Amino acid sequence: MKLKSFVAGALLAAASVSAFAGDQGIVVIADGNSHNFDAVVGDGVLSGGHDLITLLGLGAGSYNIGLTVSGQKLSFNAVTSNLNGTTGSAFAVGGLKFFGVEYTGVGPFTLDLAGTAQAGASYTGTYTVTAVPEPETYGMLLGGLALMGVVARRKAKKAA
């Protein structure tokens, strides 16, 4: 009997994990053209001290975004660089990171990079977008756990 309860609990836990959406791919649009995130955008990296990159592809929902940008022969201005209005923090020369940026909606979000670049400068980046579970997800999880508690209690009374 304990094995069946353990298996049922494990299945419920696995089902609750699948309620979280996985990371999503994002199309990067910069200067009106599609680019890979590691591409030189527009007429050069930080041309005029500024790159504005629009990130599209998110459906309606709440998201937690983490993004890291690093490069060679450049320095980012961490005070004015931002991801959807949230400023980044410099982690090395030519490195900038944004973690825990909350985003809710369906429209694009923007990566606004400011800084200076020398000839031949380039940057690369990685980002993760994870869906934030809605309150209904937690309600279903708690309801399932309560139901398992009732079943376990009934079995314990029946066995005694």
N, C-alpha and C. Protein backbone atom coordinates (compact mmCIF):
# COMPACT_ATOMS: atom_id res chain seq x y z
N MET A 1 0.81 -1.19 0.00
CA MET A 1 0.00 0.00 0.00
C MET A 1 0.86 1.26 0.00
N LYS A 2 1.97 1.24 0.76
CA LYS A 2 2.82 2.43 0.81
C LYS A 2 3.42 2.71 -0.56
N LEU A 3 3.75 1.65 -1.31
CA LEU A 3 4.32 1.84 -2.63
C LEU A 3 3.32 2.54 -3.55
N LYS A 4 2.04 2.15 -3.48
CA LYS A 4 1.02 2.78 -4.32
C LYS A 4 0.89 4.26 -3.96
N SER A 5 0.91 4.58 -2.68
CA SER A 5 0.81 5.98 -2.25
C SER A 5 2.02 6.77 -2.74
N PHE A 6 3.21 6.16 -2.65
CA PHE A 6 4.42 6.83 -3.11
C PHE A 6 4.35 7.09 -4.61
N VAL A 7 3.90 6.09 -5.38
CA VAL A 7 3.79 6.24 -6.84
C VAL A 7 2.77 7.32 -7.17
N ALA A 8 1.63 7.33 -6.48
CA ALA A 8 0.61 8.35 -6.73
C ALA A 8 1.15 9.74 -6.42
N GLY A 9 1.89 9.87 -5.33
CA GLY A 9 2.49 11.16 -4.97
C GLY A 9 3.51 11.62 -6.00
N ALA A 10 4.32 10.68 -6.49
CA ALA A 10 5.31 11.01 -7.49
C ALA A 10 4.65 11.46 -8.79
N LEU A 11 3.56 10.79 -9.18
CA LEU A 11 2.84 11.19 -10.39
C LEU A 11 2.24 12.57 -10.24
N LEU A 12 1.68 12.87 -9.07
CA LEU A 12 1.11 14.19 -8.83
C LEU A 12 2.20 15.27 -8.88
N ALA A 13 3.34 14.99 -8.28
CA ALA A 13 4.45 15.95 -8.32
C ALA A 13 4.93 16.17 -9.74
N ALA A 14 5.03 15.11 -10.53
CA ALA A 14 5.45 15.25 -11.93
C ALA A 14 4.43 16.05 -12.73
N ALA A 15 3.14 15.84 -12.45
CA ALA A 15 2.10 16.59 -13.16
C ALA A 15 2.16 18.06 -12.82
N SER A 16 2.49 18.40 -11.58
CA SER A 16 2.57 19.81 -11.20
C SER A 16 3.76 20.49 -11.86
N VAL A 17 4.85 19.77 -12.07
CA VAL A 17 6.01 20.35 -12.73
C VAL A 17 5.69 20.64 -14.18
N SER A 18 4.91 19.80 -14.84
CA SER A 18 4.58 20.03 -16.24
C SER A 18 3.67 21.23 -16.42
N ALA A 19 3.11 21.78 -15.33
CA ALA A 19 2.27 22.96 -15.43
C ALA A 19 3.11 24.21 -15.70
N PHE A 20 4.40 24.17 -15.45
CA PHE A 20 5.28 25.29 -15.73
C PHE A 20 5.67 25.25 -17.20
N ALA A 21 5.57 26.38 -17.89
CA ALA A 21 5.95 26.42 -19.30
C ALA A 21 7.46 26.42 -19.42
N GLY A 22 7.96 25.80 -20.45
CA GLY A 22 9.40 25.76 -20.67
C GLY A 22 9.91 27.06 -21.25
N ASP A 23 11.20 27.17 -21.39
CA ASP A 23 11.78 28.35 -22.01
C ASP A 23 11.27 28.49 -23.43
N GLN A 24 11.12 29.73 -23.86
CA GLN A 24 10.61 29.99 -25.20
C GLN A 24 11.69 30.62 -26.06
N GLY A 25 11.63 30.31 -27.34
CA GLY A 25 12.54 30.95 -28.27
C GLY A 25 12.05 32.34 -28.61
N ILE A 26 12.95 33.26 -28.88
CA ILE A 26 12.58 34.64 -29.16
C ILE A 26 13.24 35.08 -30.46
N VAL A 27 12.45 35.72 -31.31
CA VAL A 27 12.98 36.29 -32.54
C VAL A 27 13.55 37.66 -32.21
N VAL A 28 14.74 37.94 -32.68
CA VAL A 28 15.39 39.21 -32.40
C VAL A 28 15.28 40.10 -33.63
N ILE A 29 14.72 41.30 -33.43
CA ILE A 29 14.61 42.29 -34.50
C ILE A 29 15.41 43.50 -34.08
N ALA A 30 16.34 43.93 -34.90
CA ALA A 30 17.14 45.12 -34.60
C ALA A 30 17.28 45.94 -35.87
N ASP A 31 17.09 47.22 -35.76
CA ASP A 31 17.20 48.13 -36.90
C ASP A 31 16.32 47.68 -38.07
N GLY A 32 15.16 47.11 -37.76
CA GLY A 32 14.21 46.71 -38.80
C GLY A 32 14.53 45.40 -39.49
N ASN A 33 15.58 44.70 -39.11
CA ASN A 33 15.95 43.44 -39.74
C ASN A 33 16.11 42.35 -38.69
N SER A 34 15.86 41.10 -39.10
CA SER A 34 16.05 39.97 -38.19
C SER A 34 17.53 39.66 -38.05
N HIS A 35 17.95 39.35 -36.84
CA HIS A 35 19.35 39.02 -36.58
C HIS A 35 19.39 37.90 -35.55
N ASN A 36 20.45 37.12 -35.58
CA ASN A 36 20.74 36.26 -34.45
C ASN A 36 21.22 37.17 -33.33
N PHE A 37 21.06 36.72 -32.09
CA PHE A 37 21.45 37.59 -30.98
C PHE A 37 22.92 37.90 -31.00
N ASP A 38 23.74 37.03 -31.58
CA ASP A 38 25.18 37.27 -31.59
C ASP A 38 25.65 37.98 -32.86
N ALA A 39 24.74 38.55 -33.63
CA ALA A 39 25.10 39.23 -34.87
C ALA A 39 25.43 40.70 -34.61
N VAL A 40 26.24 41.28 -35.47
CA VAL A 40 26.47 42.72 -35.43
C VAL A 40 25.22 43.36 -36.01
N VAL A 41 24.60 44.26 -35.27
CA VAL A 41 23.33 44.83 -35.71
C VAL A 41 23.52 46.20 -36.32
N GLY A 42 22.62 46.55 -37.24
CA GLY A 42 22.64 47.86 -37.86
C GLY A 42 23.93 48.11 -38.60
N ASP A 43 24.48 49.32 -38.42
CA ASP A 43 25.70 49.69 -39.12
C ASP A 43 26.92 49.53 -38.24
N GLY A 44 26.84 48.70 -37.22
CA GLY A 44 27.98 48.43 -36.36
C GLY A 44 27.55 48.30 -34.92
N VAL A 45 28.37 47.68 -34.12
CA VAL A 45 28.08 47.49 -32.71
C VAL A 45 28.10 48.84 -32.01
N LEU A 46 27.07 49.15 -31.26
CA LEU A 46 26.94 50.38 -30.50
C LEU A 46 27.26 51.61 -31.35
N SER A 47 26.78 51.59 -32.59
CA SER A 47 26.97 52.72 -33.49
C SER A 47 26.32 53.96 -32.88
N GLY A 48 27.08 55.00 -32.71
CA GLY A 48 26.55 56.19 -32.04
C GLY A 48 26.37 55.97 -30.55
N GLY A 49 26.97 54.90 -30.01
CA GLY A 49 26.88 54.63 -28.57
C GLY A 49 25.60 53.97 -28.13
N HIS A 50 24.83 53.39 -29.08
CA HIS A 50 23.52 52.90 -28.70
C HIS A 50 23.05 51.79 -29.65
N ASP A 51 22.51 50.70 -29.12
CA ASP A 51 21.82 49.66 -29.89
C ASP A 51 20.49 49.39 -29.22
N LEU A 52 19.42 49.40 -29.99
CA LEU A 52 18.09 49.08 -29.49
C LEU A 52 17.63 47.81 -30.18
N ILE A 53 17.41 46.74 -29.41
CA ILE A 53 17.03 45.44 -29.95
C ILE A 53 15.64 45.10 -29.42
N THR A 54 14.72 44.80 -30.33
CA THR A 54 13.36 44.43 -29.94
C THR A 54 13.26 42.92 -29.96
N LEU A 55 12.79 42.34 -28.87
CA LEU A 55 12.65 40.89 -28.75
C LEU A 55 11.16 40.54 -28.82
N LEU A 56 10.81 39.74 -29.81
CA LEU A 56 9.42 39.38 -30.06
C LEU A 56 9.19 37.90 -29.78
N GLY A 57 7.96 37.46 -29.88
CA GLY A 57 7.65 36.04 -29.85
C GLY A 57 7.03 35.54 -28.58
N LEU A 58 6.76 36.39 -27.60
CA LEU A 58 6.13 35.94 -26.37
C LEU A 58 4.62 36.03 -26.49
N GLY A 59 3.93 34.97 -26.08
CA GLY A 59 2.48 35.00 -26.01
C GLY A 59 2.05 35.73 -24.74
N ALA A 60 0.74 35.86 -24.56
CA ALA A 60 0.23 36.51 -23.36
C ALA A 60 0.65 35.71 -22.12
N GLY A 61 1.02 36.40 -21.08
CA GLY A 61 1.40 35.72 -19.85
C GLY A 61 2.38 36.54 -19.03
N SER A 62 2.83 35.96 -17.93
CA SER A 62 3.83 36.58 -17.07
C SER A 62 5.12 35.79 -17.20
N TYR A 63 6.23 36.49 -17.31
CA TYR A 63 7.50 35.85 -17.56
C TYR A 63 8.58 36.39 -16.64
N ASN A 64 9.57 35.57 -16.38
CA ASN A 64 10.77 35.95 -15.66
C ASN A 64 11.91 35.82 -16.67
N ILE A 65 12.61 36.92 -16.92
CA ILE A 65 13.61 36.97 -17.98
C ILE A 65 15.00 37.13 -17.39
N GLY A 66 15.94 36.35 -17.87
CA GLY A 66 17.34 36.50 -17.51
C GLY A 66 18.15 36.66 -18.78
N LEU A 67 19.03 37.63 -18.84
CA LEU A 67 19.78 37.91 -20.05
C LEU A 67 21.20 38.33 -19.69
N THR A 68 22.16 37.80 -20.42
CA THR A 68 23.57 38.15 -20.23
C THR A 68 24.15 38.56 -21.57
N VAL A 69 24.86 39.67 -21.60
CA VAL A 69 25.52 40.15 -22.81
C VAL A 69 27.00 40.33 -22.48
N SER A 70 27.86 39.84 -23.35
CA SER A 70 29.30 40.08 -23.16
C SER A 70 29.92 40.31 -24.52
N GLY A 71 31.02 41.03 -24.54
CA GLY A 71 31.63 41.33 -25.82
C GLY A 71 33.10 41.64 -25.72
N GLN A 72 33.66 41.92 -26.89
CA GLN A 72 35.07 42.26 -26.99
C GLN A 72 35.19 43.66 -27.56
N LYS A 73 36.19 44.37 -27.10
CA LYS A 73 36.49 45.71 -27.58
C LYS A 73 35.34 46.68 -27.37
N LEU A 74 34.63 46.53 -26.25
CA LEU A 74 33.55 47.45 -25.94
C LEU A 74 33.33 47.55 -24.45
N SER A 75 32.65 48.58 -24.05
CA SER A 75 32.24 48.72 -22.65
C SER A 75 30.81 49.22 -22.63
N PHE A 76 29.97 48.55 -21.82
CA PHE A 76 28.57 48.93 -21.70
C PHE A 76 28.41 49.94 -20.58
N ASN A 77 27.47 50.83 -20.74
CA ASN A 77 27.08 51.75 -19.69
C ASN A 77 25.93 51.09 -18.93
N ALA A 78 26.23 50.53 -17.76
CA ALA A 78 25.22 49.78 -16.99
C ALA A 78 24.12 50.67 -16.45
N VAL A 79 24.38 51.96 -16.32
CA VAL A 79 23.38 52.88 -15.78
C VAL A 79 22.27 53.15 -16.79
N THR A 80 22.63 53.28 -18.06
CA THR A 80 21.62 53.61 -19.07
C THR A 80 21.18 52.40 -19.90
N SER A 81 21.92 51.32 -19.89
CA SER A 81 21.47 50.11 -20.59
C SER A 81 20.34 49.49 -19.79
N ASN A 82 19.30 49.03 -20.49
CA ASN A 82 18.16 48.45 -19.77
C ASN A 82 17.44 47.41 -20.61
N LEU A 83 16.74 46.54 -19.92
CA LEU A 83 15.88 45.53 -20.54
C LEU A 83 14.47 45.83 -20.06
N ASN A 84 13.66 46.36 -20.97
CA ASN A 84 12.28 46.75 -20.65
C ASN A 84 12.23 47.70 -19.46
N GLY A 85 13.18 48.62 -19.39
CA GLY A 85 13.18 49.62 -18.34
C GLY A 85 13.94 49.23 -17.08
N THR A 86 14.36 47.97 -16.96
CA THR A 86 15.13 47.51 -15.80
C THR A 86 16.62 47.59 -16.13
N THR A 87 17.37 48.33 -15.32
CA THR A 87 18.79 48.49 -15.61
C THR A 87 19.55 47.21 -15.32
N GLY A 88 20.63 47.03 -16.06
CA GLY A 88 21.47 45.86 -15.87
C GLY A 88 22.58 46.14 -14.88
N SER A 89 23.41 45.15 -14.68
CA SER A 89 24.58 45.34 -13.82
C SER A 89 25.79 44.76 -14.54
N ALA A 90 26.88 45.50 -14.49
CA ALA A 90 28.11 45.07 -15.15
C ALA A 90 28.76 43.97 -14.32
N PHE A 91 29.22 42.90 -14.98
CA PHE A 91 29.90 41.83 -14.26
C PHE A 91 31.34 41.67 -14.69
N ALA A 92 31.74 42.31 -15.75
CA ALA A 92 33.13 42.28 -16.22
C ALA A 92 33.27 43.39 -17.25
N VAL A 93 34.50 43.65 -17.67
CA VAL A 93 34.69 44.61 -18.75
C VAL A 93 34.00 44.04 -19.99
N GLY A 94 33.08 44.78 -20.56
CA GLY A 94 32.35 44.30 -21.73
C GLY A 94 31.27 43.31 -21.38
N GLY A 95 30.82 43.24 -20.13
CA GLY A 95 29.78 42.30 -19.73
C GLY A 95 28.64 43.00 -19.01
N LEU A 96 27.43 42.55 -19.28
CA LEU A 96 26.23 43.13 -18.69
C LEU A 96 25.23 42.02 -18.44
N LYS A 97 24.53 42.06 -17.31
CA LYS A 97 23.55 41.00 -17.04
C LYS A 97 22.26 41.60 -16.49
N PHE A 98 21.18 40.93 -16.80
CA PHE A 98 19.84 41.27 -16.31
C PHE A 98 19.23 39.96 -15.81
N PHE A 99 18.88 39.91 -14.54
CA PHE A 99 18.24 38.71 -14.00
C PHE A 99 17.01 39.09 -13.21
N GLY A 100 16.00 38.26 -13.29
CA GLY A 100 14.77 38.49 -12.54
C GLY A 100 13.94 39.63 -13.09
N VAL A 101 14.03 39.91 -14.39
CA VAL A 101 13.22 40.96 -14.99
C VAL A 101 11.81 40.40 -15.21
N GLU A 102 10.84 41.02 -14.59
CA GLU A 102 9.45 40.58 -14.73
C GLU A 102 8.84 41.22 -15.97
N TYR A 103 8.07 40.43 -16.71
CA TYR A 103 7.40 40.94 -17.91
C TYR A 103 6.02 40.31 -17.97
N THR A 104 5.00 41.13 -18.16
CA THR A 104 3.64 40.64 -18.32
C THR A 104 3.05 41.30 -19.54
N GLY A 105 2.50 40.51 -20.44
CA GLY A 105 1.85 41.08 -21.62
C GLY A 105 2.05 40.24 -22.84
N VAL A 106 1.74 40.82 -23.99
CA VAL A 106 1.87 40.12 -25.26
C VAL A 106 2.81 40.85 -26.22
N GLY A 107 3.08 42.11 -25.98
CA GLY A 107 3.89 42.89 -26.89
C GLY A 107 5.36 42.56 -26.78
N PRO A 108 6.17 43.19 -27.61
CA PRO A 108 7.61 42.95 -27.56
C PRO A 108 8.23 43.61 -26.33
N PHE A 109 9.41 43.15 -25.95
CA PHE A 109 10.18 43.86 -24.95
C PHE A 109 11.50 44.26 -25.59
N THR A 110 12.13 45.27 -25.04
CA THR A 110 13.30 45.84 -25.71
C THR A 110 14.54 45.77 -24.85
N LEU A 111 15.64 45.50 -25.51
CA LEU A 111 16.96 45.52 -24.91
C LEU A 111 17.65 46.77 -25.43
N ASP A 112 17.92 47.71 -24.55
CA ASP A 112 18.51 48.99 -24.91
C ASP A 112 19.94 49.00 -24.40
N LEU A 113 20.91 48.85 -25.30
CA LEU A 113 22.32 48.80 -24.93
C LEU A 113 22.98 50.13 -25.22
N ALA A 114 23.69 50.66 -24.24
CA ALA A 114 24.43 51.91 -24.41
C ALA A 114 25.88 51.66 -24.00
N GLY A 115 26.80 52.32 -24.68
CA GLY A 115 28.21 52.17 -24.35
C GLY A 115 29.09 52.65 -25.47
N THR A 116 30.33 52.23 -25.43
CA THR A 116 31.29 52.60 -26.46
C THR A 116 31.95 51.34 -27.03
N ALA A 117 32.29 51.42 -28.31
CA ALA A 117 32.90 50.27 -28.98
C ALA A 117 34.10 50.73 -29.80
N GLN A 118 35.13 49.90 -29.80
CA GLN A 118 36.28 50.14 -30.65
C GLN A 118 36.06 49.43 -31.98
N ALA A 119 36.92 49.67 -32.94
CA ALA A 119 36.82 49.00 -34.24
C ALA A 119 36.89 47.49 -34.06
N GLY A 120 36.03 46.77 -34.74
CA GLY A 120 36.01 45.32 -34.66
C GLY A 120 35.29 44.76 -33.44
N ALA A 121 34.56 45.60 -32.73
CA ALA A 121 33.85 45.14 -31.53
C ALA A 121 32.70 44.21 -31.90
N SER A 122 32.39 43.30 -31.00
CA SER A 122 31.25 42.40 -31.18
C SER A 122 30.73 42.00 -29.81
N TYR A 123 29.48 41.56 -29.76
CA TYR A 123 28.96 41.02 -28.52
C TYR A 123 28.08 39.82 -28.78
N THR A 124 27.94 39.01 -27.77
CA THR A 124 27.07 37.85 -27.82
C THR A 124 26.19 37.88 -26.59
N GLY A 125 25.15 37.08 -26.63
CA GLY A 125 24.27 37.07 -25.48
C GLY A 125 23.52 35.76 -25.35
N THR A 126 23.09 35.50 -24.14
CA THR A 126 22.21 34.37 -23.88
C THR A 126 21.05 34.88 -23.06
N TYR A 127 19.90 34.29 -23.27
CA TYR A 127 18.74 34.69 -22.50
C TYR A 127 17.84 33.50 -22.23
N THR A 128 17.13 33.56 -21.12
CA THR A 128 16.13 32.55 -20.80
C THR A 128 14.84 33.27 -20.46
N VAL A 129 13.76 32.72 -20.91
CA VAL A 129 12.44 33.26 -20.61
C VAL A 129 11.63 32.11 -20.03
N THR A 130 11.23 32.25 -18.79
CA THR A 130 10.49 31.20 -18.10
C THR A 130 9.13 31.74 -17.69
N ALA A 131 8.10 30.99 -18.01
CA ALA A 131 6.75 31.42 -17.64
C ALA A 131 6.58 31.34 -16.13
N VAL A 132 5.92 32.35 -15.59
CA VAL A 132 5.60 32.38 -14.16
C VAL A 132 4.24 31.73 -14.00
N PRO A 133 4.12 30.71 -13.15
CA PRO A 133 2.83 30.03 -13.01
C PRO A 133 1.77 30.96 -12.45
N GLU A 134 0.55 30.78 -12.91
CA GLU A 134 -0.57 31.59 -12.44
C GLU A 134 -1.09 31.03 -11.12
N PRO A 135 -1.82 31.84 -10.36
CA PRO A 135 -2.34 31.38 -9.06
C PRO A 135 -3.19 30.12 -9.16
N GLU A 136 -3.88 29.93 -10.29
CA GLU A 136 -4.72 28.73 -10.45
C GLU A 136 -3.88 27.46 -10.40
N THR A 137 -2.65 27.54 -10.88
CA THR A 137 -1.75 26.38 -10.84
C THR A 137 -1.47 25.97 -9.41
N TYR A 138 -1.18 26.95 -8.55
CA TYR A 138 -0.93 26.65 -7.14
C TYR A 138 -2.20 26.12 -6.47
N GLY A 139 -3.36 26.65 -6.84
CA GLY A 139 -4.62 26.16 -6.29
C GLY A 139 -4.85 24.70 -6.63
N MET A 140 -4.57 24.34 -7.88
CA MET A 140 -4.73 22.94 -8.28
C MET A 140 -3.76 22.04 -7.54
N LEU A 141 -2.53 22.50 -7.35
CA LEU A 141 -1.53 21.72 -6.62
C LEU A 141 -1.97 21.49 -5.18
N LEU A 142 -2.42 22.56 -4.51
CA LEU A 142 -2.87 22.42 -3.12
C LEU A 142 -4.10 21.53 -3.01
N GLY A 143 -5.03 21.68 -3.98
CA GLY A 143 -6.22 20.81 -3.99
C GLY A 143 -5.85 19.35 -4.14
N GLY A 144 -4.89 19.04 -5.01
CA GLY A 144 -4.44 17.66 -5.21
C GLY A 144 -3.76 17.11 -3.97
N LEU A 145 -2.95 17.94 -3.31
CA LEU A 145 -2.30 17.49 -2.08
C LEU A 145 -3.32 17.23 -0.98
N ALA A 146 -4.34 18.10 -0.88
CA ALA A 146 -5.40 17.89 0.13
C ALA A 146 -6.15 16.60 -0.15
N LEU A 147 -6.44 16.35 -1.42
CA LEU A 147 -7.14 15.12 -1.79
C LEU A 147 -6.30 13.89 -1.45
N MET A 148 -5.00 13.96 -1.68
CA MET A 148 -4.13 12.83 -1.32
C MET A 148 -4.11 12.63 0.20
N GLY A 149 -4.13 13.73 0.95
CA GLY A 149 -4.18 13.62 2.42
C GLY A 149 -5.44 12.95 2.89
N VAL A 150 -6.58 13.29 2.28
CA VAL A 150 -7.86 12.66 2.65
C VAL A 150 -7.82 11.18 2.35
N VAL A 151 -7.32 10.81 1.18
CA VAL A 151 -7.24 9.39 0.80
C VAL A 151 -6.32 8.64 1.75
N ALA A 152 -5.18 9.21 2.08
CA ALA A 152 -4.24 8.55 2.99
C ALA A 152 -4.85 8.39 4.38
N ARG A 153 -5.59 9.40 4.83
CA ARG A 153 -6.21 9.32 6.15
C ARG A 153 -7.30 8.23 6.18
N ARG A 154 -8.08 8.14 5.11
CA ARG A 154 -9.12 7.11 5.03
C ARG A 154 -8.50 5.71 5.03
N LYS A 155 -7.39 5.56 4.30
CA LYS A 155 -6.72 4.25 4.27
C LYS A 155 -6.15 3.89 5.63
N ALA A 156 -5.63 4.90 6.35
CA ALA A 156 -5.06 4.65 7.68
C ALA A 156 -6.18 4.22 8.66
N LYS A 157 -7.34 4.87 8.58
CA LYS A 157 -8.47 4.50 9.45
C LYS A 157 -8.96 3.10 9.10
N LYS A 158 -9.00 2.78 7.81
CA LYS A 158 -9.50 1.47 7.36
C LYS A 158 -8.54 0.36 7.84
N ALA A 159 -7.25 0.61 7.80
CA ALA A 159 -6.25 -0.38 8.22
C ALA A 159 -6.28 -0.61 9.73
N ALA A 160 -6.67 0.41 10.51
CA ALA A 160 -6.67 0.27 11.96
C ALA A 160 -7.86 -0.43 12.50
